Amino acid sequence: MAETGTRADAYAQALFTIARAEDALEQVENELYQVARTLESDDRLRTTLTDEAIPVERRQGIVEDLLGTRAHPVTNALVSFIVGAGRGRELPDIVDKLVQRAAETRQQALAEVRTTSPLTDEQKQRLAQALSHRTGKKVEVRVIIDPSVLGGVVAQVGDEVYDGSVRHRLNQLREVL
């Protein structure tokens, strides 16, 4: 498994270098993050993009159809490259390493926040401030829509998890009762 981590690191570094060289790091990083979360949550899409029985050109065509003009051309090219290289299954891990690397270059910690609905910019800013205060680091918030949270938020900064979800509170109440 260490080989996969090393490979994912190498791919992440390459994608980071390309996006930065194209002066599109922030946009490509955000789009790749969304693609990775979509791939994680959509079993059918993940299966299709990672099925080696499907010709590479067809899988890359699916990427182009999905992203098309909605994403930066660099994002399209990078996702197509990863899928074409047979690393579609590793895409979420590669992207997470790229996002982490980008946050580090901005001297920030990355907070992955799961919530049932999108947060407003003001909510993200307040949450970033609260997490910054709690961790002692400047924090960048990435939101993942996750209906299993039921309400509230679950934030992960590095290895620390801050669970303010309704599900967590219900579990605590269940233990008390």
C-alpha atoms as a PDB file:
ATOM      1  CA  MET A   1       0.000   0.000   0.000  1.00  0.00           C
ATOM      2  CA  ALA A   2       2.974   2.307   0.567  1.00  0.00           C
ATOM      3  CA  GLU A   3       3.654   2.086  -3.170  1.00  0.00           C
ATOM      4  CA  THR A   4       0.149   3.431  -3.886  1.00  0.00           C
ATOM      5  CA  GLY A   5       0.755   6.344  -1.477  1.00  0.00           C
ATOM      6  CA  THR A   6       4.050   7.125  -3.195  1.00  0.00           C
ATOM      7  CA  ARG A   7       2.417   6.875  -6.603  1.00  0.00           C
ATOM      8  CA  ALA A   8      -0.462   9.122  -5.465  1.00  0.00           C
ATOM      9  CA  ASP A   9       2.078  11.628  -4.114  1.00  0.00           C
ATOM     10  CA  ALA A  10       3.930  11.624  -7.428  1.00  0.00           C
ATOM     11  CA  TYR A  11       0.734  12.130  -9.422  1.00  0.00           C
ATOM     12  CA  ALA A  12      -0.411  14.870  -7.021  1.00  0.00           C
ATOM     13  CA  GLN A  13       2.912  16.670  -7.405  1.00  0.00           C
ATOM     14  CA  ALA A  14       2.684  16.425 -11.191  1.00  0.00           C
ATOM     15  CA  LEU A  15      -0.905  17.721 -11.280  1.00  0.00           C
ATOM     16  CA  PHE A  16       0.011  20.506  -8.854  1.00  0.00           C
ATOM     17  CA  THR A  17       2.974  21.537 -11.016  1.00  0.00           C
ATOM     18  CA  ILE A  18       0.884  21.580 -14.190  1.00  0.00           C
ATOM     19  CA  ALA A  19      -1.999  23.560 -12.662  1.00  0.00           C
ATOM     20  CA  ARG A  20       0.417  26.047 -11.147  1.00  0.00           C
ATOM     21  CA  ALA A  21       2.365  26.417 -14.413  1.00  0.00           C
ATOM     22  CA  GLU A  22      -0.911  27.105 -16.235  1.00  0.00           C
ATOM     23  CA  ASP A  23      -1.701  29.796 -13.617  1.00  0.00           C
ATOM     24  CA  ALA A  24      -4.951  27.995 -12.803  1.00  0.00           C
ATOM     25  CA  LEU A  25      -4.105  26.286  -9.520  1.00  0.00           C
ATOM     26  CA  GLU A  26      -7.008  27.606  -7.440  1.00  0.00           C
ATOM     27  CA  GLN A  27      -9.703  26.889 -10.030  1.00  0.00           C
ATOM     28  CA  VAL A  28      -8.276  23.496 -11.028  1.00  0.00           C
ATOM     29  CA  GLU A  29      -7.819  22.532  -7.381  1.00  0.00           C
ATOM     30  CA  ASN A  30     -11.463  23.375  -6.606  1.00  0.00           C
ATOM     31  CA  GLU A  31     -12.767  21.555  -9.665  1.00  0.00           C
ATOM     32  CA  LEU A  32     -10.626  18.469  -9.056  1.00  0.00           C
ATOM     33  CA  TYR A  33     -11.848  18.400  -5.467  1.00  0.00           C
ATOM     34  CA  GLN A  34     -15.474  18.369  -6.660  1.00  0.00           C
ATOM     35  CA  VAL A  35     -14.711  15.681  -9.254  1.00  0.00           C
ATOM     36  CA  ALA A  36     -13.066  13.518  -6.573  1.00  0.00           C
ATOM     37  CA  ARG A  37     -16.020  13.881  -4.197  1.00  0.00           C
ATOM     38  CA  THR A  38     -18.436  13.056  -7.025  1.00  0.00           C
ATOM     39  CA  LEU A  39     -16.404   9.985  -7.916  1.00  0.00           C
ATOM     40  CA  GLU A  40     -16.446   8.839  -4.289  1.00  0.00           C
ATOM     41  CA  SER A  41     -20.195   9.243  -3.954  1.00  0.00           C
ATOM     42  CA  ASP A  42     -21.317   7.864  -7.329  1.00  0.00           C
ATOM     43  CA  ASP A  43     -20.684   4.118  -7.541  1.00  0.00           C
ATOM     44  CA  ARG A  44     -21.848   3.855 -11.143  1.00  0.00           C
ATOM     45  CA  LEU A  45     -19.569   6.653 -12.352  1.00  0.00           C
ATOM     46  CA  ARG A  46     -16.604   5.280 -10.394  1.00  0.00           C
ATOM     47  CA  THR A  47     -17.170   1.804 -11.823  1.00  0.00           C
ATOM     48  CA  THR A  48     -17.461   3.133 -15.371  1.00  0.00           C
ATOM     49  CA  LEU A  49     -14.330   5.300 -15.179  1.00  0.00           C
ATOM     50  CA  THR A  50     -12.254   2.522 -13.629  1.00  0.00           C
ATOM     51  CA  ASP A  51     -13.500  -0.438 -15.683  1.00  0.00           C
ATOM     52  CA  GLU A  52     -10.542  -1.569 -17.782  1.00  0.00           C
ATOM     53  CA  ALA A  53     -12.909  -3.544 -20.026  1.00  0.00           C
ATOM     54  CA  ILE A  54     -14.176  -0.174 -21.313  1.00  0.00           C
ATOM     55  CA  PRO A  55     -11.749   1.290 -23.859  1.00  0.00           C
ATOM     56  CA  VAL A  56      -9.641   4.182 -22.573  1.00  0.00           C
ATOM     57  CA  GLU A  57     -10.953   6.498 -25.299  1.00  0.00           C
ATOM     58  CA  ARG A  58     -14.528   5.860 -24.190  1.00  0.00           C
ATOM     59  CA  ARG A  59     -13.722   6.510 -20.515  1.00  0.00           C
ATOM     60  CA  GLN A  60     -11.930   9.720 -21.478  1.00  0.00           C
ATOM     61  CA  GLY A  61     -14.931  10.663 -23.627  1.00  0.00           C
ATOM     62  CA  ILE A  62     -17.158  10.265 -20.565  1.00  0.00           C
ATOM     63  CA  VAL A  63     -14.883  12.644 -18.663  1.00  0.00           C
ATOM     64  CA  GLU A  64     -15.131  15.170 -21.492  1.00  0.00           C
ATOM     65  CA  ASP A  65     -18.921  14.804 -21.595  1.00  0.00           C
ATOM     66  CA  LEU A  66     -19.208  15.298 -17.835  1.00  0.00           C
ATOM     67  CA  LEU A  67     -16.843  18.230 -17.490  1.00  0.00           C
ATOM     68  CA  GLY A  68     -17.019  19.799 -20.963  1.00  0.00           C
ATOM     69  CA  THR A  69     -17.007  23.575 -20.833  1.00  0.00           C
ATOM     70  CA  ARG A  70     -18.093  23.603 -17.166  1.00  0.00           C
ATOM     71  CA  ALA A  71     -14.517  23.006 -16.042  1.00  0.00           C
ATOM     72  CA  HIS A  72     -11.188  24.603 -16.866  1.00  0.00           C
ATOM     73  CA  PRO A  73      -9.428  22.907 -19.820  1.00  0.00           C
ATOM     74  CA  VAL A  74      -6.568  21.953 -17.481  1.00  0.00           C
ATOM     75  CA  THR A  75      -9.032  20.171 -15.180  1.00  0.00           C
ATOM     76  CA  ASN A  76     -10.441  18.248 -18.140  1.00  0.00           C
ATOM     77  CA  ALA A  77      -6.976  17.292 -19.324  1.00  0.00           C
ATOM     78  CA  LEU A  78      -5.783  16.191 -15.878  1.00  0.00           C
ATOM     79  CA  VAL A  79      -8.836  14.039 -15.103  1.00  0.00           C
ATOM     80  CA  SER A  80      -8.675  12.547 -18.588  1.00  0.00           C
ATOM     81  CA  PHE A  81      -4.968  11.821 -18.079  1.00  0.00           C
ATOM     82  CA  ILE A  82      -5.545  10.069 -14.728  1.00  0.00           C
ATOM     83  CA  VAL A  83      -8.417   7.999 -16.127  1.00  0.00           C
ATOM     84  CA  GLY A  84      -6.397   7.196 -19.268  1.00  0.00           C
ATOM     85  CA  ALA A  85      -3.445   6.081 -17.146  1.00  0.00           C
ATOM     86  CA  GLY A  86      -5.709   3.574 -15.397  1.00  0.00           C
ATOM     87  CA  ARG A  87      -5.567   5.458 -12.096  1.00  0.00           C
ATOM     88  CA  GLY A  88      -9.218   6.539 -11.898  1.00  0.00           C
ATOM     89  CA  ARG A  89      -9.706   4.554  -8.700  1.00  0.00           C
ATOM     90  CA  GLU A  90      -6.859   6.541  -7.098  1.00  0.00           C
ATOM     91  CA  LEU A  91      -8.167   9.930  -8.265  1.00  0.00           C
ATOM     92  CA  PRO A  92      -9.720  10.943  -4.900  1.00  0.00           C
ATOM     93  CA  ASP A  93      -6.486  10.161  -3.047  1.00  0.00           C
ATOM     94  CA  ILE A  94      -4.387  11.970  -5.668  1.00  0.00           C
ATOM     95  CA  VAL A  95      -6.640  15.019  -5.541  1.00  0.00           C
ATOM     96  CA  ASP A  96      -6.661  15.070  -1.732  1.00  0.00           C
ATOM     97  CA  LYS A  97      -2.858  15.118  -1.759  1.00  0.00           C
ATOM     98  CA  LEU A  98      -2.865  17.892  -4.374  1.00  0.00           C
ATOM     99  CA  VAL A  99      -5.309  19.983  -2.319  1.00  0.00           C
ATOM    100  CA  GLN A 100      -3.237  19.430   0.805  1.00  0.00           C
ATOM    101  CA  ARG A 101      -0.070  20.463  -1.044  1.00  0.00           C
ATOM    102  CA  ALA A 102      -1.769  23.600  -2.384  1.00  0.00           C
ATOM    103  CA  ALA A 103      -3.017  24.532   1.104  1.00  0.00           C
ATOM    104  CA  GLU A 104       0.491  24.068   2.495  1.00  0.00           C
ATOM    105  CA  THR A 105       1.932  26.401  -0.135  1.00  0.00           C
ATOM    106  CA  ARG A 106      -0.571  29.001   1.088  1.00  0.00           C
ATOM    107  CA  GLN A 107       0.529  28.143   4.654  1.00  0.00           C
ATOM    108  CA  GLN A 108      -2.922  26.895   5.559  1.00  0.00           C
ATOM    109  CA  ALA A 109      -4.397  23.781   7.090  1.00  0.00           C
ATOM    110  CA  LEU A 110      -7.203  22.114   5.191  1.00  0.00           C
ATOM    111  CA  ALA A 111     -10.552  21.494   6.888  1.00  0.00           C
ATOM    112  CA  GLU A 112     -12.845  18.993   5.222  1.00  0.00           C
ATOM    113  CA  VAL A 113     -16.346  19.908   6.366  1.00  0.00           C
ATOM    114  CA  ARG A 114     -19.308  17.593   5.862  1.00  0.00           C
ATOM    115  CA  THR A 115     -22.776  19.088   6.017  1.00  0.00           C
ATOM    116  CA  THR A 116     -26.234  18.342   4.618  1.00  0.00           C
ATOM    117  CA  SER A 117     -26.467  21.549   2.573  1.00  0.00           C
ATOM    118  CA  PRO A 118     -24.089  24.091   1.048  1.00  0.00           C
ATOM    119  CA  LEU A 119     -22.676  26.744   3.342  1.00  0.00           C
ATOM    120  CA  THR A 120     -22.810  30.441   2.525  1.00  0.00           C
ATOM    121  CA  ASP A 121     -19.542  32.324   2.196  1.00  0.00           C
ATOM    122  CA  GLU A 122     -20.236  33.957   5.565  1.00  0.00           C
ATOM    123  CA  GLN A 123     -20.799  30.553   7.218  1.00  0.00           C
ATOM    124  CA  LYS A 124     -17.582  29.194   5.691  1.00  0.00           C
ATOM    125  CA  GLN A 125     -15.683  32.229   6.916  1.00  0.00           C
ATOM    126  CA  ARG A 126     -17.070  31.927  10.464  1.00  0.00           C
ATOM    127  CA  LEU A 127     -16.320  28.207  10.495  1.00  0.00           C
ATOM    128  CA  ALA A 128     -12.780  28.833   9.224  1.00  0.00           C
ATOM    129  CA  GLN A 129     -12.256  31.393  11.990  1.00  0.00           C
ATOM    130  CA  ALA A 130     -13.567  29.023  14.669  1.00  0.00           C
ATOM    131  CA  LEU A 131     -11.388  26.161  13.415  1.00  0.00           C
ATOM    132  CA  SER A 132      -8.383  28.500  13.139  1.00  0.00           C
ATOM    133  CA  HIS A 133      -8.916  29.536  16.759  1.00  0.00           C
ATOM    134  CA  ARG A 134      -9.270  25.904  17.817  1.00  0.00           C
ATOM    135  CA  THR A 135      -6.227  24.602  15.891  1.00  0.00           C
ATOM    136  CA  GLY A 136      -3.954  27.634  16.063  1.00  0.00           C
ATOM    137  CA  LYS A 137      -3.515  27.466  12.265  1.00  0.00           C
ATOM    138  CA  LYS A 138      -4.985  29.389   9.376  1.00  0.00           C
ATOM    139  CA  VAL A 139      -7.681  27.064   8.030  1.00  0.00           C
ATOM    140  CA  GLU A 140      -9.129  26.690   4.536  1.00  0.00           C
ATOM    141  CA  VAL A 141     -12.600  25.114   4.472  1.00  0.00           C
ATOM    142  CA  ARG A 142     -13.689  22.567   1.839  1.00  0.00           C
ATOM    143  CA  VAL A 143     -17.357  21.589   2.013  1.00  0.00           C
ATOM    144  CA  ILE A 144     -18.686  18.139   1.154  1.00  0.00           C
ATOM    145  CA  ILE A 145     -22.436  17.645   0.988  1.00  0.00           C
ATOM    146  CA  ASP A 146     -23.215  14.520   3.008  1.00  0.00           C
ATOM    147  CA  PRO A 147     -26.863  13.705   3.836  1.00  0.00           C
ATOM    148  CA  SER A 148     -25.778  11.153   6.461  1.00  0.00           C
ATOM    149  CA  VAL A 149     -24.745  14.039   8.738  1.00  0.00           C
ATOM    150  CA  LEU A 150     -28.499  14.783   9.244  1.00  0.00           C
ATOM    151  CA  GLY A 151     -27.712  18.371  10.313  1.00  0.00           C
ATOM    152  CA  GLY A 152     -24.860  20.406  11.750  1.00  0.00           C
ATOM    153  CA  VAL A 153     -21.293  19.875  10.577  1.00  0.00           C
ATOM    154  CA  VAL A 154     -18.426  17.439  10.910  1.00  0.00           C
ATOM    155  CA  ALA A 155     -15.047  19.085  10.366  1.00  0.00           C
ATOM    156  CA  GLN A 156     -11.743  17.296   9.987  1.00  0.00           C
ATOM    157  CA  VAL A 157      -8.465  19.197  10.168  1.00  0.00           C
ATOM    158  CA  GLY A 158      -5.580  16.791   9.763  1.00  0.00           C
ATOM    159  CA  ASP A 159      -6.189  13.964  12.231  1.00  0.00           C
ATOM    160  CA  GLU A 160      -8.560  16.000  14.432  1.00  0.00           C
ATOM    161  CA  VAL A 161     -12.313  15.562  13.980  1.00  0.00           C
ATOM    162  CA  TYR A 162     -14.795  18.105  15.341  1.00  0.00           C
ATOM    163  CA  ASP A 163     -18.246  16.538  15.266  1.00  0.00           C
ATOM    164  CA  GLY A 164     -21.137  18.965  15.698  1.00  0.00           C
ATOM    165  CA  SER A 165     -23.576  16.836  13.737  1.00  0.00           C
ATOM    166  CA  VAL A 166     -27.112  15.924  14.721  1.00  0.00           C
ATOM    167  CA  ARG A 167     -26.169  12.266  14.202  1.00  0.00           C
ATOM    168  CA  HIS A 168     -23.372  12.588  16.792  1.00  0.00           C
ATOM    169  CA  ARG A 169     -25.671  14.311  19.283  1.00  0.00           C
ATOM    170  CA  LEU A 170     -28.336  11.624  18.813  1.00  0.00           C
ATOM    171  CA  ASN A 171     -25.731   8.904  19.402  1.00  0.00           C
ATOM    172  CA  GLN A 172     -24.616  10.683  22.584  1.00  0.00           C
ATOM    173  CA  LEU A 173     -28.205  10.926  23.759  1.00  0.00           C
ATOM    174  CA  ARG A 174     -28.781   7.237  22.945  1.00  0.00           C
ATOM    175  CA  GLU A 175     -25.774   6.314  25.117  1.00  0.00           C
ATOM    176  CA  VAL A 176     -27.059   8.412  28.004  1.00  0.00           C
ATOM    177  CA  LEU A 177     -30.511   6.825  27.814  1.00  0.00           C
END
